[in-house]
Amino acid sequence: MARKVVHNEGQARLFENKFLEMLTKTHPLIIWGVYIPILAYLVYRANVVYEISGLTILLLFVSGMLYWTFFEYMAHRYLFHMVSDNIKTQKVAYILHGNHHEYPRDRTRLFMPLVPSLILSTTLFGLHYLILGDYNWAFFPGFMLGYLLYASTHYAIHAFDPPFKFMQPLWRNHQMHHYRDEHLGYGVSNTFWDRVFGTTFDLRKHKEDSEKAKALKF
């Protein structure tokens, strides 16, 4: 498999239009600051307006978080790394994720930017509502918290060494996804689904490289 060029400095130019280009960047505190009040309101609405019990809200919320881990894996594997001969499809894949592999130290694109994030999350809320009905008011906040934790973990992996020893496999999984094989190690917040679907790294064949791992950090 041909290796992609990796740039340790700078960032990709995704749009010629300066306004659109600005909308492709964000900071973690902006995303957390916008979403936490929204998610709190959804939970409040589930309890007060739709009279869903506290225990049911808790179960739905946790279910949403667990479901996110599967969604994360499938999106990373089949959407972010989609393979196509179509130029427009390749451009979409590059905007969504390919630029991150070329510029892994670009901290401004480790979270989905606010405007497209709000559009996508609103769309996903509507789709889940069609299936879950009013229960989605409690399920979707858990799903979105799963996203926030995933994006924060991704940011942390590119920012510093794992703070606890038990987190080392998680760091290694994503780092090797960058420098060994981008078609393995799709999990970022967890490695469970990689183990389920057989996309883990075999350390007997895929050796770690501390220098390449270090180069991924900003």
N, C-alpha and C. Protein backbone atom coordinates (compact mmCIF):
# COMPACT_ATOMS: atom_id res chain seq x y z
N MET A 1 0.85 -1.20 0.00
CA MET A 1 0.00 0.00 0.00
C MET A 1 0.88 1.25 0.00
N ALA A 2 0.60 2.16 -0.87
CA ALA A 2 1.39 3.38 -0.96
C ALA A 2 1.18 4.24 0.28
N ARG A 3 2.27 4.78 0.79
CA ARG A 3 2.19 5.60 1.99
C ARG A 3 1.86 7.04 1.62
N LYS A 4 1.03 7.65 2.42
CA LYS A 4 0.69 9.05 2.21
C LYS A 4 1.79 9.94 2.77
N VAL A 5 1.94 11.10 2.17
CA VAL A 5 2.88 12.08 2.69
C VAL A 5 2.33 12.61 4.01
N VAL A 6 3.20 12.70 5.01
CA VAL A 6 2.81 13.22 6.31
C VAL A 6 3.60 14.49 6.58
N HIS A 7 2.87 15.56 6.88
CA HIS A 7 3.51 16.84 7.16
C HIS A 7 3.44 17.11 8.66
N ASN A 8 4.57 17.38 9.27
CA ASN A 8 4.62 17.61 10.71
C ASN A 8 4.31 19.06 11.08
N GLU A 9 4.22 19.92 10.10
CA GLU A 9 3.90 21.31 10.36
C GLU A 9 2.83 21.78 9.38
N GLY A 10 2.15 22.85 9.75
CA GLY A 10 1.17 23.43 8.84
C GLY A 10 -0.17 22.71 8.88
N GLN A 11 -1.03 23.05 7.91
CA GLN A 11 -2.34 22.44 7.81
C GLN A 11 -2.82 22.47 6.37
N ALA A 12 -3.75 21.58 6.07
CA ALA A 12 -4.28 21.50 4.72
C ALA A 12 -5.16 22.71 4.42
N ARG A 13 -5.21 23.08 3.16
CA ARG A 13 -6.15 24.09 2.69
C ARG A 13 -7.32 23.34 2.06
N LEU A 14 -8.50 23.43 2.69
CA LEU A 14 -9.65 22.65 2.23
C LEU A 14 -10.54 23.42 1.27
N PHE A 15 -10.63 24.74 1.45
CA PHE A 15 -11.48 25.57 0.60
C PHE A 15 -10.74 26.84 0.22
N GLU A 16 -10.95 27.31 -1.00
CA GLU A 16 -10.36 28.58 -1.43
C GLU A 16 -11.05 29.75 -0.73
N ASN A 17 -12.36 29.61 -0.50
CA ASN A 17 -13.12 30.64 0.17
C ASN A 17 -12.68 30.77 1.63
N LYS A 18 -12.29 31.97 2.04
CA LYS A 18 -11.75 32.16 3.39
C LYS A 18 -12.79 31.87 4.48
N PHE A 19 -14.05 32.21 4.21
CA PHE A 19 -15.10 31.97 5.20
C PHE A 19 -15.33 30.49 5.39
N LEU A 20 -15.43 29.75 4.28
CA LEU A 20 -15.60 28.30 4.38
C LEU A 20 -14.40 27.65 5.06
N GLU A 21 -13.22 28.15 4.73
CA GLU A 21 -12.01 27.61 5.35
C GLU A 21 -12.02 27.84 6.86
N MET A 22 -12.48 28.99 7.29
CA MET A 22 -12.58 29.30 8.72
C MET A 22 -13.52 28.33 9.42
N LEU A 23 -14.59 27.93 8.74
CA LEU A 23 -15.59 27.05 9.34
C LEU A 23 -15.10 25.61 9.49
N THR A 24 -13.91 25.29 8.94
CA THR A 24 -13.38 23.93 9.06
C THR A 24 -12.51 23.77 10.31
N LYS A 25 -12.40 24.84 11.12
CA LYS A 25 -11.51 24.80 12.27
C LYS A 25 -12.28 25.13 13.55
N THR A 26 -11.81 24.59 14.66
CA THR A 26 -12.48 24.87 15.93
C THR A 26 -11.54 24.55 17.08
N HIS A 27 -12.04 24.79 18.29
CA HIS A 27 -11.30 24.48 19.52
C HIS A 27 -12.19 23.61 20.40
N PRO A 28 -11.63 22.64 21.12
CA PRO A 28 -12.44 21.76 21.96
C PRO A 28 -13.37 22.49 22.92
N LEU A 29 -12.91 23.59 23.51
CA LEU A 29 -13.74 24.29 24.50
C LEU A 29 -14.99 24.89 23.86
N ILE A 30 -14.90 25.26 22.59
CA ILE A 30 -16.07 25.78 21.88
C ILE A 30 -17.12 24.68 21.74
N ILE A 31 -16.69 23.51 21.32
CA ILE A 31 -17.62 22.40 21.12
C ILE A 31 -18.24 21.96 22.44
N TRP A 32 -17.43 21.78 23.47
CA TRP A 32 -17.95 21.40 24.78
C TRP A 32 -18.90 22.49 25.30
N GLY A 33 -18.51 23.74 25.13
CA GLY A 33 -19.30 24.84 25.65
C GLY A 33 -20.66 24.96 24.99
N VAL A 34 -20.75 24.60 23.72
CA VAL A 34 -22.03 24.66 23.01
C VAL A 34 -22.88 23.43 23.32
N TYR A 35 -22.26 22.26 23.33
CA TYR A 35 -23.05 21.03 23.42
C TYR A 35 -23.54 20.68 24.82
N ILE A 36 -22.76 20.96 25.84
CA ILE A 36 -23.18 20.56 27.19
C ILE A 36 -24.53 21.19 27.58
N PRO A 37 -24.75 22.48 27.37
CA PRO A 37 -26.09 23.03 27.66
C PRO A 37 -27.20 22.38 26.83
N ILE A 38 -26.90 22.09 25.57
CA ILE A 38 -27.91 21.46 24.71
C ILE A 38 -28.26 20.07 25.22
N LEU A 39 -27.25 19.29 25.57
CA LEU A 39 -27.49 17.93 26.05
C LEU A 39 -28.22 17.94 27.39
N ALA A 40 -27.86 18.89 28.24
CA ALA A 40 -28.55 19.02 29.53
C ALA A 40 -30.02 19.34 29.31
N TYR A 41 -30.30 20.20 28.33
CA TYR A 41 -31.69 20.55 28.03
C TYR A 41 -32.47 19.34 27.51
N LEU A 42 -31.83 18.53 26.68
CA LEU A 42 -32.50 17.34 26.15
C LEU A 42 -32.89 16.38 27.28
N VAL A 43 -31.97 16.19 28.23
CA VAL A 43 -32.26 15.32 29.37
C VAL A 43 -33.38 15.92 30.22
N TYR A 44 -33.31 17.21 30.44
CA TYR A 44 -34.36 17.91 31.19
C TYR A 44 -35.71 17.72 30.51
N ARG A 45 -35.74 17.87 29.21
CA ARG A 45 -36.98 17.73 28.46
C ARG A 45 -37.52 16.29 28.55
N ALA A 46 -36.60 15.32 28.50
CA ALA A 46 -37.01 13.92 28.61
C ALA A 46 -37.73 13.67 29.92
N ASN A 47 -37.24 14.28 30.99
CA ASN A 47 -37.79 14.04 32.32
C ASN A 47 -39.04 14.87 32.59
N VAL A 48 -38.98 16.16 32.28
CA VAL A 48 -40.06 17.07 32.66
C VAL A 48 -41.21 17.06 31.66
N VAL A 49 -40.87 17.13 30.37
CA VAL A 49 -41.92 17.22 29.35
C VAL A 49 -42.50 15.85 29.01
N TYR A 50 -41.62 14.86 28.83
CA TYR A 50 -42.08 13.54 28.41
C TYR A 50 -42.20 12.55 29.57
N GLU A 51 -41.89 13.02 30.77
CA GLU A 51 -42.09 12.25 32.00
C GLU A 51 -41.45 10.86 31.96
N ILE A 52 -40.24 10.82 31.40
CA ILE A 52 -39.46 9.58 31.41
C ILE A 52 -38.75 9.50 32.75
N SER A 53 -38.84 8.36 33.42
CA SER A 53 -38.30 8.22 34.77
C SER A 53 -36.78 8.37 34.76
N GLY A 54 -36.24 8.70 35.93
CA GLY A 54 -34.80 8.89 36.06
C GLY A 54 -34.02 7.64 35.70
N LEU A 55 -34.50 6.46 36.14
CA LEU A 55 -33.80 5.21 35.83
C LEU A 55 -33.82 4.92 34.34
N THR A 56 -34.95 5.16 33.70
CA THR A 56 -35.05 4.93 32.26
C THR A 56 -34.14 5.89 31.50
N ILE A 57 -34.10 7.13 31.96
CA ILE A 57 -33.20 8.11 31.34
C ILE A 57 -31.76 7.64 31.45
N LEU A 58 -31.39 7.16 32.63
CA LEU A 58 -30.02 6.68 32.84
C LEU A 58 -29.70 5.52 31.90
N LEU A 59 -30.62 4.56 31.78
CA LEU A 59 -30.39 3.40 30.92
C LEU A 59 -30.29 3.82 29.45
N LEU A 60 -31.16 4.72 29.03
CA LEU A 60 -31.12 5.20 27.66
C LEU A 60 -29.85 6.00 27.38
N PHE A 61 -29.45 6.82 28.35
CA PHE A 61 -28.25 7.64 28.21
C PHE A 61 -27.02 6.75 28.05
N VAL A 62 -26.89 5.77 28.91
CA VAL A 62 -25.74 4.85 28.83
C VAL A 62 -25.78 4.06 27.53
N SER A 63 -26.98 3.65 27.12
CA SER A 63 -27.12 2.92 25.85
C SER A 63 -26.65 3.79 24.69
N GLY A 64 -26.97 5.08 24.74
CA GLY A 64 -26.52 5.99 23.70
C GLY A 64 -25.00 6.10 23.65
N MET A 65 -24.38 6.14 24.81
CA MET A 65 -22.91 6.19 24.86
C MET A 65 -22.29 4.93 24.27
N LEU A 66 -22.86 3.77 24.62
CA LEU A 66 -22.33 2.51 24.10
C LEU A 66 -22.55 2.40 22.60
N TYR A 67 -23.72 2.83 22.16
CA TYR A 67 -24.01 2.81 20.72
C TYR A 67 -23.04 3.71 19.96
N TRP A 68 -22.63 4.84 20.56
CA TRP A 68 -21.67 5.71 19.90
C TRP A 68 -20.40 4.95 19.53
N THR A 69 -19.91 4.06 20.39
CA THR A 69 -18.65 3.36 20.12
C THR A 69 -18.74 2.56 18.82
N PHE A 70 -19.92 1.96 18.57
CA PHE A 70 -20.12 1.22 17.32
C PHE A 70 -20.21 2.18 16.14
N PHE A 71 -20.94 3.26 16.32
CA PHE A 71 -21.08 4.28 15.28
C PHE A 71 -19.72 4.85 14.92
N GLU A 72 -18.91 5.13 15.94
CA GLU A 72 -17.56 5.65 15.73
C GLU A 72 -16.74 4.73 14.86
N TYR A 73 -16.77 3.45 15.18
CA TYR A 73 -15.99 2.46 14.42
C TYR A 73 -16.44 2.41 12.98
N MET A 74 -17.75 2.30 12.76
CA MET A 74 -18.27 2.16 11.40
C MET A 74 -18.01 3.42 10.57
N ALA A 75 -18.17 4.60 11.19
CA ALA A 75 -17.93 5.85 10.47
C ALA A 75 -16.46 5.98 10.10
N HIS A 76 -15.58 5.64 11.03
CA HIS A 76 -14.15 5.77 10.77
C HIS A 76 -13.72 4.79 9.68
N ARG A 77 -14.26 3.59 9.74
CA ARG A 77 -13.83 2.56 8.78
C ARG A 77 -14.42 2.76 7.40
N TYR A 78 -15.71 3.03 7.32
CA TYR A 78 -16.38 3.02 6.02
C TYR A 78 -16.68 4.39 5.43
N LEU A 79 -16.68 5.43 6.26
CA LEU A 79 -16.91 6.78 5.75
C LEU A 79 -15.61 7.57 5.65
N PHE A 80 -14.88 7.65 6.76
CA PHE A 80 -13.66 8.44 6.76
C PHE A 80 -12.58 7.83 5.87
N HIS A 81 -12.58 6.51 5.73
CA HIS A 81 -11.58 5.84 4.91
C HIS A 81 -12.19 5.19 3.68
N MET A 82 -13.27 5.77 3.19
CA MET A 82 -13.91 5.19 2.00
C MET A 82 -12.97 5.30 0.81
N VAL A 83 -12.98 4.26 0.01
CA VAL A 83 -12.12 4.16 -1.17
C VAL A 83 -12.98 4.29 -2.41
N SER A 84 -12.61 5.18 -3.31
CA SER A 84 -13.39 5.40 -4.53
C SER A 84 -12.50 5.97 -5.62
N ASP A 85 -12.86 5.66 -6.87
CA ASP A 85 -12.16 6.24 -8.02
C ASP A 85 -12.78 7.58 -8.41
N ASN A 86 -13.92 7.91 -7.80
CA ASN A 86 -14.60 9.16 -8.10
C ASN A 86 -13.88 10.33 -7.44
N ILE A 87 -13.53 11.33 -8.23
CA ILE A 87 -12.76 12.47 -7.73
C ILE A 87 -13.51 13.22 -6.65
N LYS A 88 -14.83 13.43 -6.85
CA LYS A 88 -15.62 14.16 -5.86
C LYS A 88 -15.71 13.40 -4.54
N THR A 89 -15.85 12.09 -4.64
CA THR A 89 -15.89 11.27 -3.42
C THR A 89 -14.56 11.33 -2.68
N GLN A 90 -13.47 11.31 -3.44
CA GLN A 90 -12.14 11.42 -2.83
C GLN A 90 -11.98 12.76 -2.13
N LYS A 91 -12.52 13.82 -2.73
CA LYS A 91 -12.44 15.15 -2.14
C LYS A 91 -13.20 15.19 -0.82
N VAL A 92 -14.39 14.58 -0.81
CA VAL A 92 -15.19 14.54 0.43
C VAL A 92 -14.44 13.78 1.51
N ALA A 93 -13.86 12.63 1.15
CA ALA A 93 -13.11 11.83 2.12
C ALA A 93 -11.91 12.61 2.66
N TYR A 94 -11.29 13.39 1.80
CA TYR A 94 -10.13 14.18 2.23
C TYR A 94 -10.56 15.27 3.20
N ILE A 95 -11.67 15.94 2.89
CA ILE A 95 -12.17 16.99 3.78
C ILE A 95 -12.57 16.42 5.13
N LEU A 96 -13.25 15.25 5.11
CA LEU A 96 -13.71 14.64 6.35
C LEU A 96 -12.57 14.14 7.22
N HIS A 97 -11.55 13.52 6.58
CA HIS A 97 -10.55 12.83 7.41
C HIS A 97 -9.17 12.74 6.80
N GLY A 98 -9.10 12.70 5.47
CA GLY A 98 -7.81 12.51 4.83
C GLY A 98 -6.80 13.59 5.18
N ASN A 99 -7.29 14.82 5.36
CA ASN A 99 -6.38 15.91 5.72
C ASN A 99 -5.73 15.67 7.08
N HIS A 100 -6.44 14.96 7.97
CA HIS A 100 -5.88 14.67 9.29
C HIS A 100 -4.70 13.71 9.19
N HIS A 101 -4.76 12.78 8.26
CA HIS A 101 -3.65 11.85 8.09
C HIS A 101 -2.44 12.53 7.47
N GLU A 102 -2.67 13.54 6.67
CA GLU A 102 -1.54 14.27 6.09
C GLU A 102 -0.97 15.29 7.07
N TYR A 103 -1.84 15.86 7.89
CA TYR A 103 -1.41 16.86 8.88
C TYR A 103 -1.91 16.46 10.27
N PRO A 104 -1.35 15.39 10.83
CA PRO A 104 -1.85 14.87 12.11
C PRO A 104 -1.64 15.81 13.29
N ARG A 105 -0.77 16.81 13.13
CA ARG A 105 -0.50 17.74 14.23
C ARG A 105 -1.33 19.01 14.16
N ASP A 106 -2.28 19.05 13.24
CA ASP A 106 -3.17 20.21 13.13
C ASP A 106 -4.25 20.08 14.20
N ARG A 107 -4.08 20.78 15.30
CA ARG A 107 -5.00 20.66 16.44
C ARG A 107 -6.35 21.31 16.19
N THR A 108 -6.46 22.16 15.16
CA THR A 108 -7.71 22.87 14.91
C THR A 108 -8.76 22.01 14.23
N ARG A 109 -8.37 20.80 13.81
CA ARG A 109 -9.32 19.94 13.09
C ARG A 109 -9.46 18.57 13.73
N LEU A 110 -9.22 18.50 15.03
CA LEU A 110 -9.39 17.24 15.74
C LEU A 110 -10.82 17.06 16.25
N PHE A 111 -11.57 18.14 16.36
CA PHE A 111 -13.01 18.10 16.61
C PHE A 111 -13.72 18.51 15.33
N MET A 112 -14.91 17.96 15.08
CA MET A 112 -15.68 18.44 13.94
C MET A 112 -16.05 19.89 14.20
N PRO A 113 -15.85 20.78 13.24
CA PRO A 113 -16.17 22.20 13.43
C PRO A 113 -17.63 22.41 13.79
N LEU A 114 -17.90 23.54 14.44
CA LEU A 114 -19.21 23.77 15.05
C LEU A 114 -20.37 23.73 14.07
N VAL A 115 -20.28 24.46 12.97
CA VAL A 115 -21.44 24.56 12.06
C VAL A 115 -21.78 23.21 11.43
N PRO A 116 -20.82 22.52 10.78
CA PRO A 116 -21.18 21.20 10.24
C PRO A 116 -21.56 20.20 11.33
N SER A 117 -20.97 20.35 12.52
CA SER A 117 -21.31 19.48 13.63
C SER A 117 -22.77 19.64 14.04
N LEU A 118 -23.23 20.88 14.14
CA LEU A 118 -24.62 21.12 14.51
C LEU A 118 -25.59 20.62 13.44
N ILE A 119 -25.21 20.80 12.18
CA ILE A 119 -26.05 20.31 11.09
C ILE A 119 -26.15 18.78 11.14
N LEU A 120 -25.00 18.14 11.30
CA LEU A 120 -24.98 16.67 11.32
C LEU A 120 -25.69 16.12 12.55
N SER A 121 -25.45 16.70 13.71
CA SER A 121 -26.08 16.19 14.93
C SER A 121 -27.59 16.38 14.89
N THR A 122 -28.05 17.49 14.31
CA THR A 122 -29.49 17.71 14.17
C THR A 122 -30.11 16.66 13.25
N THR A 123 -29.41 16.35 12.16
CA THR A 123 -29.87 15.32 11.23
C THR A 123 -29.93 13.96 11.91
N LEU A 124 -28.88 13.62 12.66
CA LEU A 124 -28.83 12.34 13.36
C LEU A 124 -29.91 12.26 14.44
N PHE A 125 -30.16 13.39 15.12
CA PHE A 125 -31.23 13.41 16.12
C PHE A 125 -32.56 13.05 15.45
N GLY A 126 -32.83 13.65 14.29
CA GLY A 126 -34.07 13.38 13.59
C GLY A 126 -34.20 11.93 13.16
N LEU A 127 -33.11 11.35 12.66
CA LEU A 127 -33.13 9.95 12.23
C LEU A 127 -33.36 9.01 13.41
N HIS A 128 -32.69 9.28 14.52
CA HIS A 128 -32.88 8.45 15.70
C HIS A 128 -34.28 8.62 16.28
N TYR A 129 -34.84 9.82 16.15
CA TYR A 129 -36.19 10.07 16.66
C TYR A 129 -37.22 9.24 15.91
N LEU A 130 -36.98 9.02 14.63
CA LEU A 130 -37.89 8.20 13.84
C LEU A 130 -37.96 6.77 14.38
N ILE A 131 -36.88 6.32 14.99
CA ILE A 131 -36.81 4.95 15.52
C ILE A 131 -37.23 4.90 16.98
N LEU A 132 -36.75 5.84 17.78
CA LEU A 132 -36.93 5.77 19.23
C LEU A 132 -38.08 6.63 19.74
N GLY A 133 -38.55 7.54 18.93
CA GLY A 133 -39.62 8.42 19.40
C GLY A 133 -39.14 9.29 20.55
N ASP A 134 -40.00 9.49 21.54
CA ASP A 134 -39.67 10.39 22.65
C ASP A 134 -38.50 9.89 23.50
N TYR A 135 -38.22 8.60 23.44
CA TYR A 135 -37.07 8.07 24.20
C TYR A 135 -35.75 8.65 23.70
N ASN A 136 -35.76 9.17 22.48
CA ASN A 136 -34.53 9.74 21.93
C ASN A 136 -34.06 10.97 22.69
N TRP A 137 -34.98 11.64 23.41
CA TRP A 137 -34.58 12.80 24.21
C TRP A 137 -33.57 12.41 25.29
N ALA A 138 -33.59 11.15 25.72
CA ALA A 138 -32.62 10.67 26.71
C ALA A 138 -31.48 9.88 26.07
N PHE A 139 -31.78 9.20 24.95
CA PHE A 139 -30.77 8.39 24.27
C PHE A 139 -29.73 9.25 23.57
N PHE A 140 -30.18 10.28 22.85
CA PHE A 140 -29.28 11.07 22.02
C PHE A 140 -28.24 11.85 22.83
N PRO A 141 -28.59 12.38 24.00
CA PRO A 141 -27.54 13.05 24.79
C PRO A 141 -26.38 12.10 25.15
N GLY A 142 -26.69 10.84 25.43
CA GLY A 142 -25.64 9.86 25.71
C GLY A 142 -24.79 9.61 24.48
N PHE A 143 -25.45 9.51 23.34
CA PHE A 143 -24.75 9.34 22.06
C PHE A 143 -23.79 10.50 21.81
N MET A 144 -24.26 11.73 22.04
CA MET A 144 -23.43 12.90 21.79
C MET A 144 -22.32 13.06 22.82
N LEU A 145 -22.58 12.65 24.06
CA LEU A 145 -21.50 12.67 25.05
C LEU A 145 -20.42 11.67 24.64
N GLY A 146 -20.84 10.53 24.08
CA GLY A 146 -19.88 9.57 23.54
C GLY A 146 -19.00 10.22 22.49
N TYR A 147 -19.62 11.03 21.62
CA TYR A 147 -18.84 11.74 20.62
C TYR A 147 -17.84 12.70 21.26
N LEU A 148 -18.29 13.48 22.23
CA LEU A 148 -17.42 14.45 22.88
C LEU A 148 -16.23 13.77 23.54
N LEU A 149 -16.47 12.62 24.17
CA LEU A 149 -15.39 11.88 24.81
C LEU A 149 -14.44 11.29 23.78
N TYR A 150 -15.00 10.81 22.68
CA TYR A 150 -14.17 10.30 21.57
C TYR A 150 -13.26 11.39 21.02
N ALA A 151 -13.85 12.55 20.72
CA ALA A 151 -13.07 13.64 20.14
C ALA A 151 -12.02 14.14 21.13
N SER A 152 -12.36 14.15 22.41
CA SER A 152 -11.41 14.59 23.43
C SER A 152 -10.27 13.60 23.57
N THR A 153 -10.59 12.30 23.49
CA THR A 153 -9.55 11.28 23.52
C THR A 153 -8.62 11.42 22.33
N HIS A 154 -9.21 11.65 21.16
CA HIS A 154 -8.43 11.85 19.94
C HIS A 154 -7.48 13.04 20.11
N TYR A 155 -8.00 14.12 20.66
CA TYR A 155 -7.19 15.31 20.91
C TYR A 155 -6.04 14.98 21.87
N ALA A 156 -6.36 14.26 22.93
CA ALA A 156 -5.36 13.92 23.94
C ALA A 156 -4.25 13.04 23.37
N ILE A 157 -4.62 12.08 22.51
CA ILE A 157 -3.63 11.19 21.92
C ILE A 157 -2.62 11.98 21.10
N HIS A 158 -3.09 13.04 20.45
CA HIS A 158 -2.18 13.87 19.64
C HIS A 158 -1.52 14.98 20.45
N ALA A 159 -1.88 15.08 21.72
CA ALA A 159 -1.33 16.17 22.55
C ALA A 159 -0.28 15.70 23.54
N PHE A 160 -0.49 14.54 24.16
CA PHE A 160 0.44 14.10 25.20
C PHE A 160 0.43 12.59 25.36
N ASP A 161 1.36 12.08 26.14
CA ASP A 161 1.45 10.65 26.41
C ASP A 161 0.27 10.21 27.28
N PRO A 162 -0.08 8.92 27.24
CA PRO A 162 -1.22 8.45 28.06
C PRO A 162 -0.99 8.74 29.54
N PRO A 163 -1.97 9.34 30.21
CA PRO A 163 -1.80 9.70 31.62
C PRO A 163 -1.78 8.50 32.56
N PHE A 164 -2.32 7.37 32.12
CA PHE A 164 -2.34 6.15 32.93
C PHE A 164 -1.87 4.97 32.09
N LYS A 165 -1.24 4.02 32.74
CA LYS A 165 -0.66 2.88 32.03
C LYS A 165 -1.72 2.08 31.28
N PHE A 166 -2.91 1.94 31.87
CA PHE A 166 -3.95 1.13 31.23
C PHE A 166 -4.45 1.75 29.93
N MET A 167 -4.13 3.04 29.70
CA MET A 167 -4.55 3.71 28.48
C MET A 167 -3.53 3.58 27.35
N GLN A 168 -2.38 2.99 27.62
CA GLN A 168 -1.34 2.86 26.61
C GLN A 168 -1.79 2.12 25.35
N PRO A 169 -2.53 0.99 25.49
CA PRO A 169 -3.00 0.31 24.26
C PRO A 169 -3.89 1.18 23.39
N LEU A 170 -4.67 2.05 24.00
CA LEU A 170 -5.55 2.95 23.25
C LEU A 170 -4.72 3.94 22.45
N TRP A 171 -3.72 4.52 23.09
CA TRP A 171 -2.81 5.46 22.41
C TRP A 171 -2.10 4.75 21.27
N ARG A 172 -1.56 3.57 21.57
CA ARG A 172 -0.80 2.82 20.57
C ARG A 172 -1.66 2.46 19.37
N ASN A 173 -2.91 2.09 19.63
CA ASN A 173 -3.81 1.68 18.55
C ASN A 173 -4.00 2.81 17.53
N HIS A 174 -4.23 4.01 18.03
CA HIS A 174 -4.45 5.11 17.10
C HIS A 174 -3.16 5.59 16.46
N GLN A 175 -2.09 5.60 17.22
CA GLN A 175 -0.82 6.02 16.64
C GLN A 175 -0.39 5.08 15.51
N MET A 176 -0.56 3.76 15.72
CA MET A 176 -0.19 2.81 14.68
C MET A 176 -1.14 2.88 13.49
N HIS A 177 -2.37 3.29 13.75
CA HIS A 177 -3.31 3.54 12.65
C HIS A 177 -2.75 4.61 11.72
N HIS A 178 -2.06 5.57 12.30
CA HIS A 178 -1.44 6.63 11.49
C HIS A 178 -0.20 6.15 10.77
N TYR A 179 0.74 5.54 11.49
CA TYR A 179 2.04 5.31 10.88
C TYR A 179 2.30 3.88 10.41
N ARG A 180 1.41 2.93 10.73
CA ARG A 180 1.61 1.56 10.26
C ARG A 180 0.62 1.18 9.16
N ASP A 181 -0.67 1.28 9.47
CA ASP A 181 -1.68 0.86 8.50
C ASP A 181 -3.00 1.54 8.83
N GLU A 182 -3.45 2.42 7.94
CA GLU A 182 -4.68 3.16 8.20
C GLU A 182 -5.93 2.30 8.03
N HIS A 183 -5.75 1.06 7.60
CA HIS A 183 -6.88 0.14 7.46
C HIS A 183 -6.96 -0.86 8.62
N LEU A 184 -6.30 -0.51 9.68
CA LEU A 184 -6.40 -1.24 10.95
C LEU A 184 -6.52 -0.20 12.06
N GLY A 185 -6.99 -0.62 13.23
CA GLY A 185 -7.03 0.28 14.38
C GLY A 185 -7.97 1.45 14.21
N TYR A 186 -9.23 1.16 13.85
CA TYR A 186 -10.19 2.23 13.63
C TYR A 186 -10.73 2.84 14.92
N GLY A 187 -10.68 2.10 16.00
CA GLY A 187 -11.19 2.61 17.27
C GLY A 187 -10.30 3.69 17.83
N VAL A 188 -10.91 4.75 18.33
CA VAL A 188 -10.15 5.83 18.97
C VAL A 188 -10.49 5.89 20.46
N SER A 189 -11.76 5.91 20.78
CA SER A 189 -12.16 5.96 22.19
C SER A 189 -12.09 4.59 22.85
N ASN A 190 -11.98 3.53 22.03
CA ASN A 190 -11.92 2.17 22.55
C ASN A 190 -11.37 1.26 21.46
N THR A 191 -11.01 0.04 21.82
CA THR A 191 -10.52 -0.94 20.83
C THR A 191 -11.45 -2.14 20.74
N PHE A 192 -12.61 -2.07 21.38
CA PHE A 192 -13.53 -3.21 21.44
C PHE A 192 -13.96 -3.67 20.06
N TRP A 193 -14.43 -2.75 19.23
CA TRP A 193 -14.95 -3.14 17.92
C TRP A 193 -13.83 -3.56 16.97
N ASP A 194 -12.63 -3.05 17.16
CA ASP A 194 -11.49 -3.57 16.38
C ASP A 194 -11.28 -5.05 16.69
N ARG A 195 -11.42 -5.42 17.96
CA ARG A 195 -11.26 -6.83 18.32
C ARG A 195 -12.41 -7.67 17.76
N VAL A 196 -13.61 -7.13 17.79
CA VAL A 196 -14.78 -7.84 17.27
C VAL A 196 -14.64 -8.10 15.77
N PHE A 197 -14.20 -7.09 15.02
CA PHE A 197 -14.17 -7.19 13.56
C PHE A 197 -12.78 -7.54 13.01
N GLY A 198 -11.85 -7.86 13.87
CA GLY A 198 -10.55 -8.34 13.42
C GLY A 198 -9.66 -7.29 12.78
N THR A 199 -9.75 -6.05 13.26
CA THR A 199 -8.90 -4.99 12.69
C THR A 199 -7.89 -4.47 13.71
N THR A 200 -7.52 -5.31 14.65
CA THR A 200 -6.49 -4.92 15.62
C THR A 200 -5.11 -5.11 15.02
N PHE A 201 -4.14 -4.49 15.62
CA PHE A 201 -2.75 -4.67 15.21
C PHE A 201 -2.16 -5.89 15.91
N ASP A 202 -1.45 -6.70 15.14
CA ASP A 202 -0.72 -7.84 15.69
C ASP A 202 0.70 -7.35 15.97
N LEU A 203 1.03 -7.20 17.25
CA LEU A 203 2.33 -6.63 17.60
C LEU A 203 3.51 -7.54 17.23
N ARG A 204 3.19 -8.78 16.85
CA ARG A 204 4.26 -9.65 16.36
C ARG A 204 4.66 -9.28 14.94
N LYS A 205 3.74 -8.66 14.21
CA LYS A 205 4.02 -8.26 12.82
C LYS A 205 4.11 -6.74 12.66
N HIS A 206 3.33 -6.02 13.45
CA HIS A 206 3.31 -4.56 13.35
C HIS A 206 4.06 -3.97 14.54
N LYS A 207 5.29 -3.63 14.32
CA LYS A 207 6.14 -3.16 15.42
C LYS A 207 5.86 -1.68 15.73
N GLU A 208 5.98 -1.37 17.02
CA GLU A 208 5.82 0.01 17.45
C GLU A 208 7.06 0.83 17.05
N ASP A 209 6.85 2.10 16.85
CA ASP A 209 7.93 3.02 16.51
C ASP A 209 7.73 4.28 17.34
N SER A 210 8.50 4.41 18.41
CA SER A 210 8.32 5.53 19.34
C SER A 210 8.58 6.88 18.69
N GLU A 211 9.50 6.94 17.74
CA GLU A 211 9.80 8.20 17.08
C GLU A 211 8.64 8.66 16.20
N LYS A 212 8.04 7.72 15.48
CA LYS A 212 6.91 8.07 14.63
C LYS A 212 5.69 8.43 15.48
N ALA A 213 5.55 7.75 16.61
CA ALA A 213 4.45 8.08 17.52
C ALA A 213 4.63 9.49 18.08
N LYS A 214 5.85 9.82 18.44
CA LYS A 214 6.15 11.15 18.97
C LYS A 214 5.89 12.23 17.94
N ALA A 215 6.15 11.93 16.66
CA ALA A 215 5.97 12.92 15.60
C ALA A 215 4.50 13.26 15.36
N LEU A 216 3.59 12.45 15.89
CA LEU A 216 2.16 12.71 15.70
C LEU A 216 1.64 13.73 16.69
N LYS A 217 2.44 14.07 17.72
CA LYS A 217 1.98 14.97 18.75
C LYS A 217 2.33 16.42 18.42
N PHE A 218 1.42 17.33 18.75
CA PHE A 218 1.69 18.74 18.51
C PHE A 218 2.29 19.38 19.77
